[in-house]
């Protein structure tokens, strides 16, 4: 029997590192992202529903992509027992979804909104296995200190905010902005370790 492979459907180095730290063997699945991956929130859709939907869509898209990859003729059932792990992270301030900045000026705008405020980081993680989609959501409260314009400008000039929800990465220079955190540190990084392990344990038995 072929050992199932866990595919991480994400190009995020942070998610890859978290799985490595947990000792979870995996391969990275490079799925072409559709145009406008940071799609807008639907009308009447809550922020929590938004991040759950986008994570589910990533998992479904990755599973479909994997099913279309060439299979070894000697293994006609290739991929049928493999697992696909997908996640999406969003920063929510006063009910508003703050996605990835479009450019440095947009990053400045986002960080000015977060300055001195408490926001919430929602990370939805989805495991696709044998036609099933299992999901967990991590919600973490993060309190930012008051940031000066110079601090925000210097951070945005570093290019670190680009490609990150809420225009910051907790594992980088922005760690100095955070007054307090209540919840999952790895969830803010992009892949909540506890919830991820729960999903994997749910299918291991």
N, C-alpha and C. Protein backbone atom coordinates (compact mmCIF):
# COMPACT_ATOMS: atom_id res chain seq x y z
N UNK A 1 0.84 -1.20 0.00
CA UNK A 1 0.00 0.00 0.00
C UNK A 1 0.88 1.25 0.00
N UNK A 2 0.57 2.19 -0.87
CA UNK A 2 1.35 3.41 -0.97
C UNK A 2 1.04 4.33 0.20
N UNK A 3 2.10 4.88 0.79
CA UNK A 3 1.91 5.80 1.91
C UNK A 3 1.31 7.10 1.39
N UNK A 4 0.22 7.56 1.99
CA UNK A 4 -0.39 8.82 1.54
C UNK A 4 0.58 9.99 1.68
N UNK A 5 0.49 10.92 0.76
CA UNK A 5 1.32 12.11 0.78
C UNK A 5 0.47 13.29 1.25
N UNK A 6 1.03 14.11 2.11
CA UNK A 6 0.37 15.35 2.50
C UNK A 6 0.91 16.47 1.63
N UNK A 7 0.02 17.09 0.88
CA UNK A 7 0.40 18.22 0.02
C UNK A 7 -0.03 19.52 0.69
N UNK A 8 0.90 20.44 0.80
CA UNK A 8 0.59 21.77 1.30
C UNK A 8 0.30 22.67 0.11
N UNK A 9 -0.95 23.08 -0.02
CA UNK A 9 -1.35 23.91 -1.16
C UNK A 9 -1.13 25.38 -0.84
N UNK A 10 0.13 25.73 -0.70
CA UNK A 10 0.47 27.11 -0.36
C UNK A 10 1.92 27.38 -0.71
N UNK A 11 2.17 28.57 -1.20
CA UNK A 11 3.54 28.99 -1.50
C UNK A 11 4.17 29.71 -0.31
N UNK A 12 3.42 29.82 0.78
CA UNK A 12 3.91 30.55 1.96
C UNK A 12 5.06 29.81 2.63
N UNK A 13 6.23 30.44 2.73
CA UNK A 13 7.34 29.79 3.43
C UNK A 13 7.04 29.60 4.91
N UNK A 14 6.22 30.47 5.48
CA UNK A 14 5.89 30.35 6.91
C UNK A 14 5.09 29.08 7.18
N UNK A 15 4.13 28.77 6.32
CA UNK A 15 3.32 27.56 6.52
C UNK A 15 4.20 26.32 6.37
N UNK A 16 5.08 26.36 5.41
CA UNK A 16 6.02 25.25 5.20
C UNK A 16 6.89 25.06 6.45
N UNK A 17 7.39 26.16 7.00
CA UNK A 17 8.25 26.09 8.18
C UNK A 17 7.50 25.55 9.40
N UNK A 18 6.24 25.93 9.54
CA UNK A 18 5.46 25.45 10.69
C UNK A 18 5.29 23.93 10.61
N UNK A 19 4.98 23.41 9.44
CA UNK A 19 4.86 21.95 9.29
C UNK A 19 6.20 21.28 9.56
N UNK A 20 7.28 21.88 9.11
CA UNK A 20 8.61 21.32 9.39
C UNK A 20 8.88 21.28 10.89
N UNK A 21 8.56 22.36 11.58
CA UNK A 21 8.78 22.42 13.02
C UNK A 21 7.97 21.37 13.77
N UNK A 22 6.80 21.05 13.22
CA UNK A 22 5.95 20.03 13.84
C UNK A 22 6.38 18.61 13.47
N UNK A 23 7.37 18.51 12.58
CA UNK A 23 7.84 17.19 12.15
C UNK A 23 6.87 16.49 11.23
N UNK A 24 6.06 17.25 10.51
CA UNK A 24 5.06 16.68 9.61
C UNK A 24 5.60 16.65 8.19
N UNK A 25 5.82 15.45 7.67
CA UNK A 25 6.34 15.31 6.31
C UNK A 25 5.30 15.79 5.31
N UNK A 26 5.75 16.52 4.32
CA UNK A 26 4.81 17.06 3.33
C UNK A 26 5.56 17.47 2.07
N UNK A 27 4.78 17.70 1.05
CA UNK A 27 5.30 18.25 -0.19
C UNK A 27 4.51 19.51 -0.51
N UNK A 28 5.15 20.44 -1.17
CA UNK A 28 4.47 21.69 -1.53
C UNK A 28 3.83 21.52 -2.90
N UNK A 29 2.56 21.86 -2.97
CA UNK A 29 1.81 21.77 -4.21
C UNK A 29 1.66 23.18 -4.78
N UNK A 30 2.28 23.40 -5.91
CA UNK A 30 2.24 24.73 -6.53
C UNK A 30 1.03 24.80 -7.47
N UNK A 31 -0.03 25.37 -6.97
CA UNK A 31 -1.27 25.51 -7.75
C UNK A 31 -1.34 26.93 -8.30
N UNK A 32 -1.49 27.08 -9.61
CA UNK A 32 -1.59 28.43 -10.18
C UNK A 32 -2.75 29.20 -9.54
N UNK A 33 -2.45 30.39 -9.05
CA UNK A 33 -3.49 31.20 -8.41
C UNK A 33 -4.31 31.91 -9.46
N UNK A 34 -5.62 31.98 -9.27
CA UNK A 34 -6.47 32.71 -10.22
C UNK A 34 -6.23 34.20 -10.10
N UNK A 35 -6.62 34.94 -11.11
CA UNK A 35 -6.49 36.39 -11.06
C UNK A 35 -7.35 36.92 -9.91
N UNK A 36 -6.77 37.87 -9.17
CA UNK A 36 -7.54 38.47 -8.08
C UNK A 36 -7.84 37.48 -6.98
N UNK A 37 -6.80 36.78 -6.50
CA UNK A 37 -7.02 35.76 -5.47
C UNK A 37 -7.63 36.36 -4.20
N UNK A 38 -7.23 37.60 -3.88
CA UNK A 38 -7.83 38.26 -2.73
C UNK A 38 -9.18 38.82 -3.14
N UNK A 39 -10.13 37.93 -3.32
CA UNK A 39 -11.44 38.36 -3.79
C UNK A 39 -12.19 39.10 -2.70
N UNK A 40 -13.13 39.94 -3.09
CA UNK A 40 -13.84 40.74 -2.09
C UNK A 40 -14.82 39.90 -1.27
N UNK A 41 -15.14 40.43 -0.13
CA UNK A 41 -16.15 39.84 0.73
C UNK A 41 -17.51 39.94 0.04
N UNK A 42 -18.29 38.88 0.11
CA UNK A 42 -19.61 38.90 -0.49
C UNK A 42 -20.58 39.72 0.35
N UNK A 43 -21.62 40.20 -0.27
CA UNK A 43 -22.65 40.95 0.45
C UNK A 43 -23.28 40.04 1.51
N UNK A 44 -23.43 40.56 2.71
CA UNK A 44 -24.02 39.84 3.85
C UNK A 44 -23.11 38.71 4.37
N UNK A 45 -21.88 38.62 3.87
CA UNK A 45 -20.94 37.59 4.35
C UNK A 45 -20.12 38.18 5.49
N UNK A 46 -20.08 37.49 6.63
CA UNK A 46 -19.27 37.97 7.74
C UNK A 46 -17.80 37.72 7.44
N UNK A 47 -16.95 38.38 8.20
CA UNK A 47 -15.51 38.21 8.00
C UNK A 47 -15.09 36.76 8.24
N UNK A 48 -15.69 36.13 9.26
CA UNK A 48 -15.37 34.73 9.55
C UNK A 48 -15.81 33.83 8.40
N UNK A 49 -16.98 34.08 7.86
CA UNK A 49 -17.48 33.29 6.73
C UNK A 49 -16.60 33.49 5.50
N UNK A 50 -16.10 34.70 5.34
CA UNK A 50 -15.24 35.02 4.20
C UNK A 50 -13.98 34.17 4.21
N UNK A 51 -13.27 34.14 5.34
CA UNK A 51 -12.00 33.41 5.38
C UNK A 51 -12.23 31.90 5.28
N UNK A 52 -13.35 31.42 5.82
CA UNK A 52 -13.67 30.00 5.68
C UNK A 52 -13.94 29.64 4.22
N UNK A 53 -14.67 30.50 3.55
CA UNK A 53 -14.98 30.25 2.13
C UNK A 53 -13.72 30.25 1.28
N UNK A 54 -12.85 31.23 1.48
CA UNK A 54 -11.66 31.31 0.65
C UNK A 54 -10.71 30.14 0.89
N UNK A 55 -10.63 29.67 2.15
CA UNK A 55 -9.80 28.50 2.44
C UNK A 55 -10.37 27.25 1.78
N UNK A 56 -11.69 27.09 1.84
CA UNK A 56 -12.34 25.95 1.20
C UNK A 56 -12.11 25.98 -0.31
N UNK A 57 -12.21 27.16 -0.90
CA UNK A 57 -12.00 27.28 -2.34
C UNK A 57 -10.57 26.92 -2.72
N UNK A 58 -9.61 27.30 -1.88
CA UNK A 58 -8.22 26.94 -2.13
C UNK A 58 -8.03 25.43 -2.10
N UNK A 59 -8.65 24.77 -1.11
CA UNK A 59 -8.53 23.32 -0.98
C UNK A 59 -9.16 22.61 -2.17
N UNK A 60 -10.33 23.07 -2.58
CA UNK A 60 -11.01 22.45 -3.72
C UNK A 60 -10.21 22.65 -5.00
N UNK A 61 -9.70 23.86 -5.20
CA UNK A 61 -8.90 24.14 -6.39
C UNK A 61 -7.63 23.28 -6.42
N UNK A 62 -6.99 23.13 -5.26
CA UNK A 62 -5.77 22.33 -5.19
C UNK A 62 -6.06 20.85 -5.44
N UNK A 63 -7.17 20.36 -4.89
CA UNK A 63 -7.55 18.96 -5.09
C UNK A 63 -7.83 18.69 -6.56
N UNK A 64 -8.52 19.60 -7.21
CA UNK A 64 -8.81 19.44 -8.64
C UNK A 64 -7.53 19.50 -9.46
N UNK A 65 -6.63 20.38 -9.08
CA UNK A 65 -5.34 20.50 -9.78
C UNK A 65 -4.54 19.20 -9.63
N UNK A 66 -4.51 18.65 -8.43
CA UNK A 66 -3.77 17.42 -8.17
C UNK A 66 -4.35 16.27 -8.97
N UNK A 67 -5.67 16.22 -9.07
CA UNK A 67 -6.33 15.13 -9.81
C UNK A 67 -6.00 15.17 -11.29
N UNK A 68 -5.63 16.33 -11.80
CA UNK A 68 -5.33 16.46 -13.22
C UNK A 68 -3.86 16.22 -13.55
N UNK A 69 -3.02 16.04 -12.52
CA UNK A 69 -1.60 15.82 -12.77
C UNK A 69 -1.39 14.42 -13.33
N UNK A 70 -0.39 14.24 -14.21
CA UNK A 70 -0.14 12.92 -14.79
C UNK A 70 0.14 11.88 -13.71
N UNK A 71 -0.47 10.72 -13.88
CA UNK A 71 -0.29 9.64 -12.91
C UNK A 71 0.63 8.57 -13.47
N UNK A 72 1.37 7.95 -12.60
CA UNK A 72 2.23 6.84 -12.96
C UNK A 72 1.35 5.67 -13.41
N UNK A 73 1.64 5.10 -14.57
CA UNK A 73 0.82 4.00 -15.10
C UNK A 73 0.82 2.80 -14.15
N UNK A 74 1.88 2.68 -13.38
CA UNK A 74 1.97 1.55 -12.45
C UNK A 74 1.16 1.81 -11.18
N UNK A 75 0.68 3.03 -11.04
CA UNK A 75 -0.10 3.38 -9.85
C UNK A 75 -1.38 4.09 -10.30
N UNK A 76 -2.32 3.35 -10.86
CA UNK A 76 -3.53 3.97 -11.39
C UNK A 76 -4.36 4.70 -10.35
N UNK A 77 -4.19 4.35 -9.10
CA UNK A 77 -4.97 5.00 -8.05
C UNK A 77 -4.19 6.12 -7.38
N UNK A 78 -3.19 6.64 -8.10
CA UNK A 78 -2.36 7.70 -7.52
C UNK A 78 -3.21 8.86 -7.03
N UNK A 79 -2.82 9.40 -5.90
CA UNK A 79 -3.44 10.56 -5.27
C UNK A 79 -4.77 10.27 -4.56
N UNK A 80 -5.38 9.09 -4.75
CA UNK A 80 -6.71 8.88 -4.17
C UNK A 80 -6.68 8.92 -2.65
N UNK A 81 -5.55 8.54 -2.04
CA UNK A 81 -5.45 8.56 -0.58
C UNK A 81 -4.58 9.70 -0.07
N UNK A 82 -4.14 10.56 -0.97
CA UNK A 82 -3.31 11.68 -0.55
C UNK A 82 -4.17 12.77 0.10
N UNK A 83 -3.51 13.61 0.85
CA UNK A 83 -4.19 14.68 1.57
C UNK A 83 -3.73 16.03 1.05
N UNK A 84 -4.64 16.97 1.03
CA UNK A 84 -4.32 18.34 0.62
C UNK A 84 -4.67 19.29 1.76
N UNK A 85 -3.69 20.08 2.16
CA UNK A 85 -3.88 21.04 3.24
C UNK A 85 -3.84 22.45 2.66
N UNK A 86 -4.87 23.22 2.93
CA UNK A 86 -4.93 24.60 2.46
C UNK A 86 -5.33 25.51 3.61
N UNK A 87 -4.94 26.76 3.52
CA UNK A 87 -5.28 27.71 4.58
C UNK A 87 -5.41 29.11 4.00
N UNK A 88 -6.15 29.93 4.72
CA UNK A 88 -6.24 31.34 4.36
C UNK A 88 -6.30 32.16 5.64
N UNK A 89 -5.65 33.29 5.61
CA UNK A 89 -5.56 34.15 6.78
C UNK A 89 -6.07 35.54 6.43
N UNK A 90 -6.83 36.12 7.33
CA UNK A 90 -7.26 37.50 7.12
C UNK A 90 -7.24 38.25 8.44
N UNK A 91 -7.01 39.53 8.34
CA UNK A 91 -6.99 40.42 9.50
C UNK A 91 -8.31 41.20 9.50
N UNK A 92 -8.95 41.24 10.66
CA UNK A 92 -10.26 41.87 10.76
C UNK A 92 -10.23 42.97 11.81
N UNK A 93 -10.56 44.16 11.40
CA UNK A 93 -10.61 45.32 12.29
C UNK A 93 -12.01 45.91 12.23
N UNK A 94 -12.70 45.88 13.36
CA UNK A 94 -14.06 46.42 13.44
C UNK A 94 -14.96 45.85 12.36
N UNK A 95 -14.82 44.55 12.12
CA UNK A 95 -15.66 43.87 11.14
C UNK A 95 -15.21 44.01 9.71
N UNK A 96 -14.17 44.79 9.47
CA UNK A 96 -13.67 45.00 8.11
C UNK A 96 -12.49 44.08 7.82
N UNK A 97 -12.53 43.44 6.67
CA UNK A 97 -11.44 42.56 6.25
C UNK A 97 -10.31 43.41 5.68
N UNK A 98 -9.12 43.25 6.26
CA UNK A 98 -7.93 43.94 5.75
C UNK A 98 -7.06 42.89 5.07
N UNK A 99 -7.04 42.89 3.77
CA UNK A 99 -6.29 41.89 3.03
C UNK A 99 -4.84 42.26 2.83
N UNK A 100 -4.25 41.74 1.77
CA UNK A 100 -2.86 42.05 1.45
C UNK A 100 -2.79 43.42 0.78
N UNK A 101 -1.77 44.20 1.11
CA UNK A 101 -1.66 45.53 0.51
C UNK A 101 -1.37 45.46 -0.98
N UNK A 102 -1.95 46.39 -1.72
CA UNK A 102 -1.75 46.43 -3.16
C UNK A 102 -0.39 47.03 -3.52
N UNK A 103 0.09 47.93 -2.67
CA UNK A 103 1.37 48.59 -2.88
C UNK A 103 1.81 49.19 -1.54
N UNK A 104 3.04 49.75 -1.46
CA UNK A 104 3.50 50.32 -0.19
C UNK A 104 2.58 51.39 0.39
N UNK A 105 1.99 52.22 -0.47
CA UNK A 105 1.09 53.26 0.02
C UNK A 105 -0.14 52.65 0.69
N UNK A 106 -0.64 51.56 0.12
CA UNK A 106 -1.78 50.86 0.71
C UNK A 106 -1.38 50.22 2.04
N UNK A 107 -0.14 49.72 2.12
CA UNK A 107 0.36 49.14 3.36
C UNK A 107 0.40 50.19 4.46
N UNK A 108 0.83 51.40 4.12
CA UNK A 108 0.85 52.50 5.09
C UNK A 108 -0.56 52.77 5.60
N UNK A 109 -1.51 52.79 4.70
CA UNK A 109 -2.91 53.04 5.07
C UNK A 109 -3.43 51.97 6.03
N UNK A 110 -3.13 50.70 5.74
CA UNK A 110 -3.59 49.61 6.59
C UNK A 110 -2.97 49.71 7.98
N UNK A 111 -1.67 49.95 8.05
CA UNK A 111 -0.98 50.00 9.34
C UNK A 111 -1.43 51.19 10.17
N UNK A 112 -1.80 52.28 9.53
CA UNK A 112 -2.35 53.42 10.27
C UNK A 112 -3.69 53.06 10.89
N UNK A 113 -4.45 52.22 10.20
CA UNK A 113 -5.73 51.75 10.75
C UNK A 113 -5.50 50.85 11.96
N UNK A 114 -4.46 50.02 11.90
CA UNK A 114 -4.19 49.07 12.98
C UNK A 114 -3.51 49.71 14.18
N UNK A 115 -2.84 50.83 13.97
CA UNK A 115 -2.08 51.49 15.03
C UNK A 115 -2.94 51.78 16.26
N UNK A 116 -2.49 51.27 17.41
CA UNK A 116 -3.17 51.50 18.67
C UNK A 116 -4.49 50.77 18.84
N UNK A 117 -4.79 49.86 17.91
CA UNK A 117 -6.08 49.18 17.92
C UNK A 117 -5.93 47.68 18.20
N UNK A 118 -7.03 47.08 18.60
CA UNK A 118 -7.10 45.62 18.73
C UNK A 118 -7.79 45.07 17.50
N UNK A 119 -7.17 44.10 16.88
CA UNK A 119 -7.78 43.46 15.71
C UNK A 119 -7.77 41.95 15.91
N UNK A 120 -8.38 41.25 14.99
CA UNK A 120 -8.49 39.80 15.08
C UNK A 120 -7.95 39.15 13.81
N UNK A 121 -7.18 38.11 14.01
CA UNK A 121 -6.63 37.36 12.89
C UNK A 121 -7.37 36.03 12.81
N UNK A 122 -8.07 35.83 11.71
CA UNK A 122 -8.77 34.57 11.47
C UNK A 122 -7.96 33.76 10.47
N UNK A 123 -7.62 32.54 10.84
CA UNK A 123 -6.98 31.63 9.89
C UNK A 123 -7.82 30.36 9.80
N UNK A 124 -8.33 30.11 8.62
CA UNK A 124 -9.09 28.88 8.36
C UNK A 124 -8.15 27.88 7.71
N UNK A 125 -8.15 26.66 8.21
CA UNK A 125 -7.33 25.60 7.63
C UNK A 125 -8.25 24.46 7.22
N UNK A 126 -8.03 23.94 6.02
CA UNK A 126 -8.90 22.91 5.44
C UNK A 126 -8.04 21.72 5.02
N UNK A 127 -8.52 20.53 5.35
CA UNK A 127 -7.86 19.30 4.93
C UNK A 127 -8.80 18.54 4.02
N UNK A 128 -8.36 18.30 2.80
CA UNK A 128 -9.14 17.52 1.83
C UNK A 128 -8.60 16.10 1.81
N UNK A 129 -9.51 15.14 2.01
CA UNK A 129 -9.09 13.74 2.08
C UNK A 129 -10.24 12.83 1.65
N UNK A 130 -9.99 12.04 0.60
CA UNK A 130 -10.97 11.08 0.10
C UNK A 130 -12.36 11.70 -0.11
N UNK A 131 -12.37 12.85 -0.73
CA UNK A 131 -13.63 13.51 -1.04
C UNK A 131 -14.24 14.31 0.08
N UNK A 132 -13.60 14.28 1.24
CA UNK A 132 -14.11 15.04 2.38
C UNK A 132 -13.32 16.34 2.55
N UNK A 133 -13.98 17.34 3.09
CA UNK A 133 -13.33 18.60 3.41
C UNK A 133 -13.53 18.88 4.90
N UNK A 134 -12.45 18.80 5.66
CA UNK A 134 -12.50 19.04 7.09
C UNK A 134 -11.91 20.41 7.37
N UNK A 135 -12.50 21.14 8.29
CA UNK A 135 -12.08 22.52 8.50
C UNK A 135 -12.01 22.90 9.97
N UNK A 136 -11.04 23.73 10.29
CA UNK A 136 -10.93 24.34 11.61
C UNK A 136 -10.59 25.81 11.41
N UNK A 137 -10.98 26.63 12.37
CA UNK A 137 -10.69 28.06 12.29
C UNK A 137 -10.03 28.52 13.59
N UNK A 138 -8.96 29.25 13.45
CA UNK A 138 -8.26 29.84 14.58
C UNK A 138 -8.55 31.34 14.60
N UNK A 139 -8.92 31.86 15.77
CA UNK A 139 -9.18 33.29 15.92
C UNK A 139 -8.28 33.83 17.03
N UNK A 140 -7.48 34.81 16.70
CA UNK A 140 -6.51 35.37 17.64
C UNK A 140 -6.68 36.88 17.77
N UNK A 141 -6.68 37.34 19.00
CA UNK A 141 -6.78 38.78 19.27
C UNK A 141 -5.38 39.37 19.35
N UNK A 142 -5.16 40.43 18.60
CA UNK A 142 -3.84 41.08 18.56
C UNK A 142 -4.00 42.57 18.86
N UNK A 143 -3.22 43.07 19.81
CA UNK A 143 -3.26 44.50 20.16
C UNK A 143 -1.98 45.16 19.67
N UNK A 144 -2.13 46.16 18.79
CA UNK A 144 -0.99 46.93 18.30
C UNK A 144 -0.74 48.13 19.21
N UNK A 145 0.51 48.48 19.37
CA UNK A 145 0.86 49.73 20.04
C UNK A 145 0.60 50.89 19.07
N UNK A 146 0.69 52.10 19.57
CA UNK A 146 0.54 53.27 18.70
C UNK A 146 1.83 53.41 17.88
N UNK A 147 1.69 53.45 16.57
CA UNK A 147 2.84 53.51 15.68
C UNK A 147 3.00 54.92 15.11
N UNK A 148 4.22 55.42 15.14
CA UNK A 148 4.48 56.74 14.56
C UNK A 148 4.52 56.62 13.04
N UNK A 149 4.35 57.75 12.37
CA UNK A 149 4.43 57.75 10.91
C UNK A 149 5.80 57.29 10.44
N UNK A 150 6.85 57.66 11.18
CA UNK A 150 8.21 57.25 10.80
C UNK A 150 8.36 55.74 10.91
N UNK A 151 7.80 55.17 11.97
CA UNK A 151 7.89 53.71 12.15
C UNK A 151 7.16 52.99 11.03
N UNK A 152 5.97 53.46 10.71
CA UNK A 152 5.19 52.84 9.64
C UNK A 152 5.92 52.98 8.30
N UNK A 153 6.45 54.17 8.04
CA UNK A 153 7.14 54.41 6.79
C UNK A 153 8.37 53.53 6.63
N UNK A 154 9.16 53.41 7.69
CA UNK A 154 10.36 52.58 7.62
C UNK A 154 10.01 51.12 7.40
N UNK A 155 8.96 50.67 8.06
CA UNK A 155 8.55 49.27 7.90
C UNK A 155 8.07 49.00 6.49
N UNK A 156 7.28 49.90 5.96
CA UNK A 156 6.75 49.71 4.60
C UNK A 156 7.86 49.80 3.56
N UNK A 157 8.87 50.61 3.82
CA UNK A 157 10.00 50.71 2.89
C UNK A 157 10.84 49.44 2.87
N UNK A 158 10.70 48.61 3.91
CA UNK A 158 11.45 47.35 3.97
C UNK A 158 10.87 46.30 3.04
N UNK A 159 9.67 46.56 2.53
CA UNK A 159 8.94 45.63 1.65
C UNK A 159 8.36 44.43 2.39
N UNK A 160 8.57 44.37 3.70
CA UNK A 160 8.06 43.23 4.48
C UNK A 160 6.54 43.12 4.48
N UNK A 161 5.80 44.23 4.43
CA UNK A 161 4.33 44.11 4.48
C UNK A 161 3.72 43.47 3.24
N UNK A 162 4.43 43.51 2.12
CA UNK A 162 3.83 43.04 0.88
C UNK A 162 3.57 41.54 0.91
N UNK A 163 2.40 41.16 0.42
CA UNK A 163 2.02 39.75 0.37
C UNK A 163 1.50 39.20 1.68
N UNK A 164 1.30 40.08 2.67
CA UNK A 164 0.84 39.62 3.98
C UNK A 164 -0.51 40.25 4.34
N UNK A 165 -1.41 39.44 4.83
CA UNK A 165 -2.71 39.94 5.28
C UNK A 165 -2.50 40.96 6.39
N UNK A 166 -3.17 42.09 6.29
CA UNK A 166 -3.01 43.11 7.31
C UNK A 166 -1.71 43.89 7.20
N UNK A 167 -0.93 43.61 6.16
CA UNK A 167 0.32 44.34 5.89
C UNK A 167 1.39 44.15 6.96
N UNK A 168 1.37 43.00 7.65
CA UNK A 168 2.46 42.75 8.59
C UNK A 168 2.66 41.25 8.79
N UNK A 169 3.88 40.92 9.22
CA UNK A 169 4.20 39.54 9.56
C UNK A 169 4.67 39.49 11.01
N UNK A 170 3.99 38.72 11.83
CA UNK A 170 4.30 38.68 13.26
C UNK A 170 5.69 38.12 13.53
N UNK A 171 6.20 37.30 12.60
CA UNK A 171 7.50 36.67 12.79
C UNK A 171 8.66 37.58 12.38
N UNK A 172 8.35 38.76 11.85
CA UNK A 172 9.40 39.67 11.39
C UNK A 172 9.49 40.92 12.25
N UNK A 173 9.80 42.03 11.60
CA UNK A 173 10.00 43.29 12.32
C UNK A 173 8.74 43.76 13.04
N UNK A 174 7.60 43.37 12.53
CA UNK A 174 6.33 43.82 13.12
C UNK A 174 6.10 43.23 14.51
N UNK A 175 6.92 42.27 14.92
CA UNK A 175 6.79 41.73 16.28
C UNK A 175 6.93 42.85 17.31
N UNK A 176 7.70 43.89 16.96
CA UNK A 176 7.91 45.01 17.87
C UNK A 176 6.67 45.90 18.00
N UNK A 177 5.69 45.72 17.11
CA UNK A 177 4.48 46.54 17.15
C UNK A 177 3.42 45.97 18.09
N UNK A 178 3.59 44.71 18.45
CA UNK A 178 2.51 43.98 19.12
C UNK A 178 2.62 44.08 20.64
N UNK A 179 1.62 44.72 21.22
CA UNK A 179 1.56 44.92 22.67
C UNK A 179 1.14 43.63 23.37
N UNK A 180 0.16 42.93 22.78
CA UNK A 180 -0.31 41.68 23.37
C UNK A 180 -0.96 40.82 22.31
N UNK A 181 -1.02 39.53 22.61
CA UNK A 181 -1.66 38.57 21.71
C UNK A 181 -2.40 37.55 22.56
N UNK A 182 -3.61 37.22 22.17
CA UNK A 182 -4.39 36.21 22.88
C UNK A 182 -4.91 35.22 21.85
N UNK A 183 -4.33 34.03 21.85
CA UNK A 183 -4.73 33.04 20.86
C UNK A 183 -3.54 32.29 20.31
N UNK A 184 -3.55 32.05 19.02
CA UNK A 184 -2.54 31.22 18.38
C UNK A 184 -1.49 32.05 17.63
N UNK A 185 -0.25 31.98 18.10
CA UNK A 185 0.84 32.67 17.41
C UNK A 185 1.02 32.11 16.00
N UNK A 186 0.98 30.77 15.88
CA UNK A 186 1.15 30.17 14.55
C UNK A 186 -0.05 30.47 13.66
N UNK A 187 -1.21 30.70 14.28
CA UNK A 187 -2.38 31.10 13.50
C UNK A 187 -2.16 32.45 12.85
N UNK A 188 -1.54 33.37 13.58
CA UNK A 188 -1.24 34.68 13.01
C UNK A 188 -0.18 34.55 11.92
N UNK A 189 0.73 33.61 12.08
CA UNK A 189 1.74 33.37 11.04
C UNK A 189 1.11 32.82 9.76
N UNK A 190 -0.03 32.13 9.90
CA UNK A 190 -0.70 31.63 8.71
C UNK A 190 -1.11 30.18 8.73
N UNK A 191 -0.71 29.42 9.78
CA UNK A 191 -1.11 28.02 9.88
C UNK A 191 -1.16 27.63 11.35
N UNK A 192 -2.34 27.61 11.97
CA UNK A 192 -2.43 27.28 13.39
C UNK A 192 -2.03 25.83 13.66
N UNK A 193 -0.99 25.66 14.45
CA UNK A 193 -0.43 24.33 14.68
C UNK A 193 -1.44 23.39 15.33
N UNK A 194 -2.13 23.86 16.37
CA UNK A 194 -3.06 22.99 17.09
C UNK A 194 -4.18 22.51 16.18
N UNK A 195 -4.82 23.43 15.49
CA UNK A 195 -5.94 23.07 14.62
C UNK A 195 -5.49 22.17 13.47
N UNK A 196 -4.31 22.43 12.95
CA UNK A 196 -3.78 21.60 11.86
C UNK A 196 -3.58 20.17 12.33
N UNK A 197 -3.00 20.02 13.51
CA UNK A 197 -2.77 18.67 14.05
C UNK A 197 -4.10 17.97 14.37
N UNK A 198 -5.09 18.73 14.80
CA UNK A 198 -6.41 18.14 15.04
C UNK A 198 -6.97 17.53 13.76
N UNK A 199 -6.85 18.25 12.66
CA UNK A 199 -7.36 17.75 11.38
C UNK A 199 -6.63 16.49 10.96
N UNK A 200 -5.32 16.49 11.09
CA UNK A 200 -4.53 15.32 10.67
C UNK A 200 -4.84 14.11 11.55
N UNK A 201 -5.04 14.35 12.84
CA UNK A 201 -5.39 13.26 13.75
C UNK A 201 -6.77 12.69 13.42
N UNK A 202 -7.67 13.55 12.94
CA UNK A 202 -9.04 13.12 12.64
C UNK A 202 -9.08 12.11 11.49
N UNK A 203 -8.10 12.14 10.61
CA UNK A 203 -8.10 11.21 9.47
C UNK A 203 -7.06 10.10 9.63
N UNK A 204 -6.25 10.18 10.68
CA UNK A 204 -5.18 9.19 10.84
C UNK A 204 -5.69 7.87 11.39
N UNK A 205 -6.84 7.91 12.06
CA UNK A 205 -7.36 6.70 12.67
C UNK A 205 -8.26 5.95 11.74
